[in-house]
């Protein structure tokens, strides 16, 4: 059939498809592409919103953490005398200073610097009528113990109107008893562990073990006795005598301090300074302690209604970090280091 004459408004040649039909055919494909693009954009917006929410959350969390840190540090750095009792420094009270834990020079130990500062505040407070040393310690450094002992004696001389009472809880042994002996009177529980007036320097020899496993000691020194107490070398009799004289000398300081503090109250017993320790009940019989009691009973005995803490608070930042577990590694490392150093450090135990 002939296509002539051509139809108006038609410029298609025979066999050519109408462009409009082609456009209509591709319309569904363009719609699918638009839907996919729209979903991608919406997903991106939602992801940005989620990221923004998490960012705000973590910022608020960081702000709260910093705020809490400042609050704790502010409380820890408070200069108010008497700890948590606001009226403690002016109203009559029993001042309490803790000797709790190992005695040493470390920031986490009972050290002479912190204890001396606390004692100074306790003695100078106008409301403190007496000072109680609340003791629960196995001892430790003879140097730190003696410095605290001397400070107590100095403050007692400067403040003759204020007595010092040592109150021993579970344990007041060795260096802790060294400190307690500076007090006017010592209170104990019948089951407290008291005494251990002696000096110890732990040391171990592993020379035979090293030889068996093929470890060779190549230590080099300048000085004939610089490697004294080396665990990988046999005991040198001359060095052993020297160390024993050193320990005896420190022991003599300990004995002199106890005699100066306790005086004629000490009973004549050959084991008194042998390093043995006793119960609180036995300690009273030996003259190492005076009475049974605790801080509360002492306050009642002195007719004081209030007890006020003067012990310096621990560093709040260190405490917080310790609770968060960040000091675990440091603690392990310090423990190993102290164990190694203890081989050549005399201690009052």
Protein backbone atom coordinates (compact mmCIF):
# COMPACT_ATOMS: atom_id res chain seq x y z
CA UNK A 1 0.00 0.00 0.00
CA UNK A 2 1.41 3.40 -0.96
CA UNK A 3 2.45 5.95 1.69
CA UNK A 4 1.73 8.70 -0.70
CA UNK A 5 0.54 11.37 -0.20
CA UNK A 6 2.50 11.92 3.03
CA UNK A 7 0.54 12.67 6.16
CA UNK A 8 0.60 16.19 7.52
CA UNK A 9 2.76 16.83 10.67
CA UNK A 10 4.80 13.75 9.83
CA UNK A 11 8.37 14.06 8.75
CA UNK A 12 9.36 10.47 9.33
CA UNK A 13 10.72 8.62 6.48
CA UNK A 14 9.65 5.09 5.82
CA UNK A 15 11.09 2.66 8.37
CA UNK A 16 12.06 5.43 10.88
CA UNK A 17 10.64 5.17 14.42
CA UNK A 18 8.78 8.08 15.95
CA UNK A 19 11.06 9.85 18.49
CA UNK A 20 8.12 10.34 20.80
CA UNK A 21 7.59 6.60 20.96
CA UNK A 22 11.29 6.12 21.78
CA UNK A 23 11.10 8.77 24.55
CA UNK A 24 8.02 7.16 26.04
CA UNK A 25 9.71 3.78 26.03
CA UNK A 26 12.74 5.02 27.99
CA UNK A 27 10.64 6.87 30.61
CA UNK A 28 10.34 3.89 32.98
CA UNK A 29 14.14 3.45 33.04
CA UNK A 30 14.67 7.13 33.90
CA UNK A 31 12.14 6.82 36.76
CA UNK A 32 14.06 3.89 38.28
CA UNK A 33 17.30 5.87 38.16
CA UNK A 34 15.68 8.83 39.91
CA UNK A 35 14.34 6.59 42.67
CA UNK A 36 17.77 5.04 43.25
CA UNK A 37 19.39 8.47 43.37
CA UNK A 38 16.77 9.70 45.80
CA UNK A 39 17.34 6.72 48.13
CA UNK A 40 21.10 7.27 48.04
CA UNK A 41 20.72 10.92 48.97
CA UNK A 42 18.30 10.11 51.82
CA UNK A 43 20.65 7.41 53.14
CA UNK A 44 23.53 9.86 53.09
CA UNK A 45 21.51 12.44 55.01
CA UNK A 46 20.47 9.87 57.62
CA UNK A 47 24.07 8.76 58.05
CA UNK A 48 25.15 12.37 58.56
CA UNK A 49 22.42 12.82 61.17
CA UNK A 50 23.53 9.71 63.03
CA UNK A 51 27.15 10.84 62.95
CA UNK A 52 26.11 14.26 64.26
CA UNK A 53 24.15 12.67 67.12
CA UNK A 54 27.12 10.49 68.14
CA UNK A 55 29.43 13.49 67.94
CA UNK A 56 27.16 15.47 70.27
CA UNK A 57 26.91 12.48 72.63
CA UNK A 58 30.68 12.04 72.91
CA UNK A 59 31.21 15.77 73.39
CA UNK A 60 28.70 15.81 76.23
CA UNK A 61 30.33 12.71 77.72
CA UNK A 62 33.78 14.33 77.56
CA UNK A 63 32.41 17.51 79.12
CA UNK A 64 30.81 15.55 81.97
CA UNK A 65 34.07 13.67 82.56
CA UNK A 66 36.12 16.89 82.72
CA UNK A 67 33.53 18.48 85.02
CA UNK A 68 33.61 15.47 87.36
CA UNK A 69 37.40 15.57 87.33
CA UNK A 70 37.45 19.23 88.35
CA UNK A 71 34.93 18.59 91.13
CA UNK A 72 37.00 15.74 92.56
CA UNK A 73 40.21 17.74 92.29
CA UNK A 74 38.54 20.71 93.93
CA UNK A 75 37.50 18.59 96.91
CA UNK A 76 40.89 16.95 97.11
CA UNK A 77 42.74 20.28 97.01
CA UNK A 78 40.53 21.88 99.67
CA UNK A 79 42.57 23.65 102.32
CA UNK A 80 39.89 23.34 104.96
CA UNK A 81 41.28 21.89 108.18
CA UNK A 82 39.56 18.90 109.63
CA UNK A 83 38.60 17.09 106.50
CA UNK A 84 34.87 16.69 106.03
CA UNK A 85 33.85 18.27 109.34
CA UNK A 86 33.35 21.95 108.63
CA UNK A 87 33.37 23.12 112.26
CA UNK A 88 36.12 20.77 113.35
CA UNK A 89 38.94 23.28 113.45
CA UNK A 90 37.26 25.61 115.99
CA UNK A 91 35.08 23.39 118.18
CA UNK A 92 36.73 20.95 120.66
CA UNK A 93 37.63 17.66 118.99
CA UNK A 94 40.04 14.74 118.82
CA UNK A 95 42.35 15.16 115.83
CA UNK A 96 42.99 11.93 113.91
CA UNK A 97 45.97 11.19 111.66
CA UNK A 98 46.13 7.83 109.88
CA UNK A 99 49.22 5.61 109.60
CA UNK A 100 47.62 3.10 107.27
CA UNK A 101 49.65 0.86 104.97
CA UNK A 102 53.31 0.31 104.20
CA UNK A 103 55.69 3.03 105.37
CA UNK A 104 57.89 4.31 102.55
CA UNK A 105 58.88 7.30 100.46
CA UNK A 106 56.45 6.65 97.59
CA UNK A 107 53.37 8.78 96.96
CA UNK A 108 51.13 5.77 97.68
CA UNK A 109 52.99 4.90 100.90
CA UNK A 110 52.76 6.35 104.38
CA UNK A 111 55.56 8.90 103.99
CA UNK A 112 57.04 11.36 106.45
CA UNK A 113 56.26 14.43 104.36
CA UNK A 114 52.51 13.85 104.25
CA UNK A 115 52.24 12.64 107.84
CA UNK A 116 54.31 15.57 109.15
CA UNK A 117 52.09 18.05 107.32
CA UNK A 118 48.96 16.43 108.73
CA UNK A 119 50.42 16.43 112.24
CA UNK A 120 51.37 20.10 111.94
CA UNK A 121 47.79 21.01 111.02
CA UNK A 122 46.37 18.85 113.79
CA UNK A 123 48.56 20.41 116.48
CA UNK A 124 48.00 23.97 115.23
CA UNK A 125 44.21 23.67 115.03
CA UNK A 126 42.68 25.73 117.81
CA UNK A 127 39.95 23.18 118.47
CA UNK A 128 42.10 20.06 118.69
CA UNK A 129 42.49 18.95 122.30
CA UNK A 130 44.50 15.80 121.59
CA UNK A 131 45.93 13.90 118.62
CA UNK A 132 45.24 10.24 117.83
CA UNK A 133 47.53 8.29 115.51
CA UNK A 134 45.24 5.63 114.03
CA UNK A 135 47.71 2.90 113.09
CA UNK A 136 47.26 -0.13 110.88
CA UNK A 137 50.61 -0.91 109.29
CA UNK A 138 53.18 -3.73 109.05
CA UNK A 139 56.06 -1.23 108.99
CA UNK A 140 58.51 -0.36 106.24
CA UNK A 141 61.27 2.19 105.80
CA UNK A 142 63.36 2.90 108.93
CA UNK A 143 64.18 6.38 107.62
CA UNK A 144 60.54 7.40 107.09
CA UNK A 145 59.55 5.88 110.43
CA UNK A 146 62.26 7.76 112.29
CA UNK A 147 61.42 11.08 110.60
CA UNK A 148 57.78 10.73 111.67
CA UNK A 149 58.91 9.72 115.18
CA UNK A 150 61.09 12.81 115.45
CA UNK A 151 58.31 15.09 114.18
CA UNK A 152 55.88 13.77 116.79
CA UNK A 153 58.42 14.38 119.53
CA UNK A 154 59.10 17.90 118.27
CA UNK A 155 55.41 18.81 118.13
CA UNK A 156 54.79 17.34 121.58
CA UNK A 157 57.50 19.60 122.96
CA UNK A 158 56.08 22.65 121.17
CA UNK A 159 52.49 21.90 122.27
CA UNK A 160 52.77 20.61 125.81
CA UNK A 161 49.02 21.02 126.35
CA UNK A 162 48.14 18.43 123.70
CA UNK A 163 48.76 14.75 124.21
CA UNK A 164 49.41 12.22 121.45
CA UNK A 165 47.74 8.81 121.57
CA UNK A 166 48.68 5.91 119.30
CA UNK A 167 45.69 3.69 118.57
CA UNK A 168 46.70 0.39 116.96
CA UNK A 169 44.07 -1.49 114.96
CA UNK A 170 44.84 -4.79 113.26
CA UNK A 171 48.59 -4.27 113.23
CA UNK A 172 51.20 -1.90 114.60
CA UNK A 173 54.41 -3.75 113.86
CA UNK A 174 58.01 -2.82 113.23
CA UNK A 175 58.23 0.68 111.70
CA UNK A 176 54.62 1.34 112.68
CA UNK A 177 55.46 0.53 116.30
CA UNK A 178 58.56 2.73 115.95
CA UNK A 179 56.14 5.61 115.24
CA UNK A 180 53.71 4.55 117.97
CA UNK A 181 56.44 4.65 120.60
CA UNK A 182 56.63 8.45 120.19
CA UNK A 183 53.10 8.82 121.61
CA UNK A 184 52.25 9.60 125.21
CA UNK A 185 50.11 6.47 125.44
CA UNK A 186 49.37 3.48 123.21
CA UNK A 187 45.91 1.92 122.88
CA UNK A 188 45.41 -1.52 121.34
CA UNK A 189 42.77 -4.14 120.70
CA UNK A 190 43.41 -7.38 122.65
CA UNK A 191 43.92 -9.14 119.30
CA UNK A 192 46.09 -6.48 117.61
CA UNK A 193 49.55 -7.54 116.45
CA UNK A 194 52.16 -5.37 118.17
CA UNK A 195 55.94 -5.21 118.28
CA UNK A 196 58.33 -6.85 115.80
CA UNK A 197 61.19 -4.61 116.92
CA UNK A 198 63.80 -5.73 114.44
CA UNK A 199 65.38 -5.07 111.04
CA UNK A 200 65.38 -7.24 107.95
CA UNK A 201 67.13 -7.13 104.59
CA UNK A 202 65.86 -9.90 102.27
CA UNK A 203 68.40 -11.42 99.90
CA UNK A 204 68.44 -14.52 97.72
CA UNK A 205 71.24 -16.48 96.09
CA UNK A 206 70.76 -18.05 92.65
CA UNK A 207 74.38 -18.76 91.71
CA UNK A 208 73.86 -22.54 91.58
CA UNK A 209 70.67 -22.17 89.56
CA UNK A 210 72.39 -19.81 87.14
CA UNK A 211 75.25 -22.28 86.70
CA UNK A 212 72.88 -25.17 85.99
CA UNK A 213 70.94 -23.33 83.30
CA UNK A 214 74.05 -21.88 81.71
CA UNK A 215 73.75 -18.24 82.83
CA UNK A 216 77.12 -16.55 83.22
CA UNK A 217 77.51 -13.55 85.53
CA UNK A 218 79.52 -10.89 83.66
CA UNK A 219 79.01 -8.08 86.19
CA UNK A 220 81.81 -5.49 86.06
CA UNK A 221 82.58 -3.18 88.97
CA UNK A 222 84.96 -0.46 90.09
CA UNK A 223 85.39 -1.07 93.80
CA UNK A 224 86.05 -4.35 95.53
CA UNK A 225 82.61 -4.60 97.15
CA UNK A 226 80.40 -2.82 94.62
CA UNK A 227 78.62 -6.09 93.73
CA UNK A 228 77.83 -6.80 97.38
CA UNK A 229 74.75 -9.01 97.85
CA UNK A 230 74.72 -9.98 94.19
CA UNK A 231 72.32 -12.93 93.88
CA UNK A 232 74.48 -14.59 91.22
CA UNK A 233 77.68 -14.66 93.31
CA UNK A 234 78.54 -16.72 96.40
CA UNK A 235 78.34 -15.05 99.80
CA UNK A 236 81.46 -13.14 100.73
CA UNK A 237 82.07 -13.62 104.51
CA UNK A 238 83.65 -10.17 104.86
CA UNK A 239 80.66 -8.53 103.16
CA UNK A 240 78.24 -10.57 105.25
CA UNK A 241 79.84 -9.23 108.44
CA UNK A 242 79.59 -5.69 107.08
CA UNK A 243 75.88 -6.04 106.31
CA UNK A 244 75.20 -7.60 109.71
CA UNK A 245 76.90 -4.64 111.42
CA UNK A 246 74.76 -2.29 109.33
CA UNK A 247 71.56 -4.05 110.38
CA UNK A 248 72.67 -4.07 114.02
CA UNK A 249 73.27 -0.33 113.83
CA UNK A 250 69.79 0.38 112.46
CA UNK A 251 68.34 -2.02 115.04
CA UNK A 252 70.11 -0.02 117.74
CA UNK A 253 68.38 3.17 116.52
CA UNK A 254 65.03 1.37 116.74
CA UNK A 255 65.69 0.11 120.26
CA UNK A 256 66.83 3.54 121.43
CA UNK A 257 63.68 5.18 120.05
CA UNK A 258 61.40 2.65 121.77
CA UNK A 259 63.22 3.04 125.08
CA UNK A 260 63.05 6.83 124.81
CA UNK A 261 59.33 6.69 124.13
CA UNK A 262 58.26 3.95 126.54
CA UNK A 263 60.81 4.46 129.29
CA UNK A 264 60.28 2.51 132.51
CA UNK A 265 57.01 1.06 131.28
CA UNK A 266 58.98 -1.58 129.34
CA UNK A 267 59.32 -4.88 131.18
CA UNK A 268 62.65 -6.65 131.45
CA UNK A 269 62.24 -9.35 128.82
CA UNK A 270 65.10 -10.68 126.65
CA UNK A 271 62.74 -11.19 123.68
CA UNK A 272 61.42 -7.64 123.68
CA UNK A 273 63.78 -6.47 120.92
CA UNK A 274 64.23 -9.81 119.18
CA UNK A 275 61.81 -9.12 116.32
CA UNK A 276 58.97 -11.11 117.86
CA UNK A 277 55.48 -9.66 117.87
CA UNK A 278 52.63 -10.13 120.34
CA UNK A 279 48.89 -9.66 120.70
CA UNK A 280 47.60 -6.43 122.15
CA UNK A 281 46.85 -8.15 125.42
CA UNK A 282 50.41 -9.49 125.65
CA UNK A 283 51.82 -6.12 124.58
CA UNK A 284 50.17 -4.41 127.56
CA UNK A 285 51.69 -6.98 129.91
CA UNK A 286 55.14 -6.37 128.37
CA UNK A 287 54.84 -2.61 128.62
CA UNK A 288 54.69 -2.13 124.85
CA UNK A 289 51.15 -0.71 125.15
CA UNK A 290 49.05 0.90 127.86
CA UNK A 291 45.30 0.35 127.41
CA UNK A 292 42.63 -1.44 125.42
CA UNK A 293 40.58 0.83 123.20
CA UNK A 294 39.97 2.45 119.85
CA UNK A 295 39.51 5.98 118.52
CA UNK A 296 35.84 6.15 119.52
CA UNK A 297 36.43 4.93 123.05
CA UNK A 298 39.39 7.30 123.39
CA UNK A 299 37.21 10.25 122.36
CA UNK A 300 34.63 9.27 124.99
CA UNK A 301 37.35 8.89 127.59
CA UNK A 302 38.61 12.40 126.79
CA UNK A 303 35.01 13.69 126.82
CA UNK A 304 35.25 14.90 123.23
CA UNK A 305 32.14 14.58 121.08
CA UNK A 306 33.87 15.00 117.74
CA UNK A 307 36.74 13.37 115.90
CA UNK A 308 38.24 15.21 112.93
CA UNK A 309 40.36 13.71 110.16
CA UNK A 310 43.61 15.52 109.38
CA UNK A 311 45.12 12.84 107.17
CA UNK A 312 46.04 14.33 103.81
CA UNK A 313 43.72 12.99 101.10
CA UNK A 314 45.18 10.94 98.30
CA UNK A 315 45.72 12.66 94.96
CA UNK A 316 42.19 12.69 93.46
CA UNK A 317 43.43 12.36 89.90
CA UNK A 318 45.53 9.32 90.74
CA UNK A 319 42.61 7.76 92.61
CA UNK A 320 40.26 8.30 89.70
CA UNK A 321 42.68 6.88 87.17
CA UNK A 322 43.37 3.98 89.48
CA UNK A 323 39.66 3.15 89.65
CA UNK A 324 39.51 3.26 85.87
CA UNK A 325 42.21 0.62 85.71
CA UNK A 326 44.89 2.70 84.05
CA UNK A 327 47.33 2.16 86.90
CA UNK A 328 47.29 -1.65 86.70
CA UNK A 329 50.39 -1.85 84.52
CA UNK A 330 52.21 0.70 86.64
CA UNK A 331 51.30 -1.18 89.80
CA UNK A 332 52.66 -4.46 88.43
CA UNK A 333 55.86 -2.77 87.32
CA UNK A 334 56.33 -1.03 90.67
CA UNK A 335 55.67 -4.28 92.50
CA UNK A 336 58.39 -6.08 90.54
CA UNK A 337 60.79 -3.18 90.99
CA UNK A 338 60.16 -2.99 94.73
CA UNK A 339 60.65 -6.75 95.03
CA UNK A 340 64.04 -6.48 93.35
CA UNK A 341 65.08 -3.42 95.34
CA UNK A 342 64.00 -5.01 98.60
CA UNK A 343 66.89 -7.44 98.25
CA UNK A 344 69.25 -4.61 99.14
CA UNK A 345 67.04 -2.41 101.34
CA UNK A 346 66.84 -2.73 105.09
CA UNK A 347 63.30 -2.63 106.46
CA UNK A 348 61.79 -2.53 109.92
CA UNK A 349 59.68 -5.65 110.10
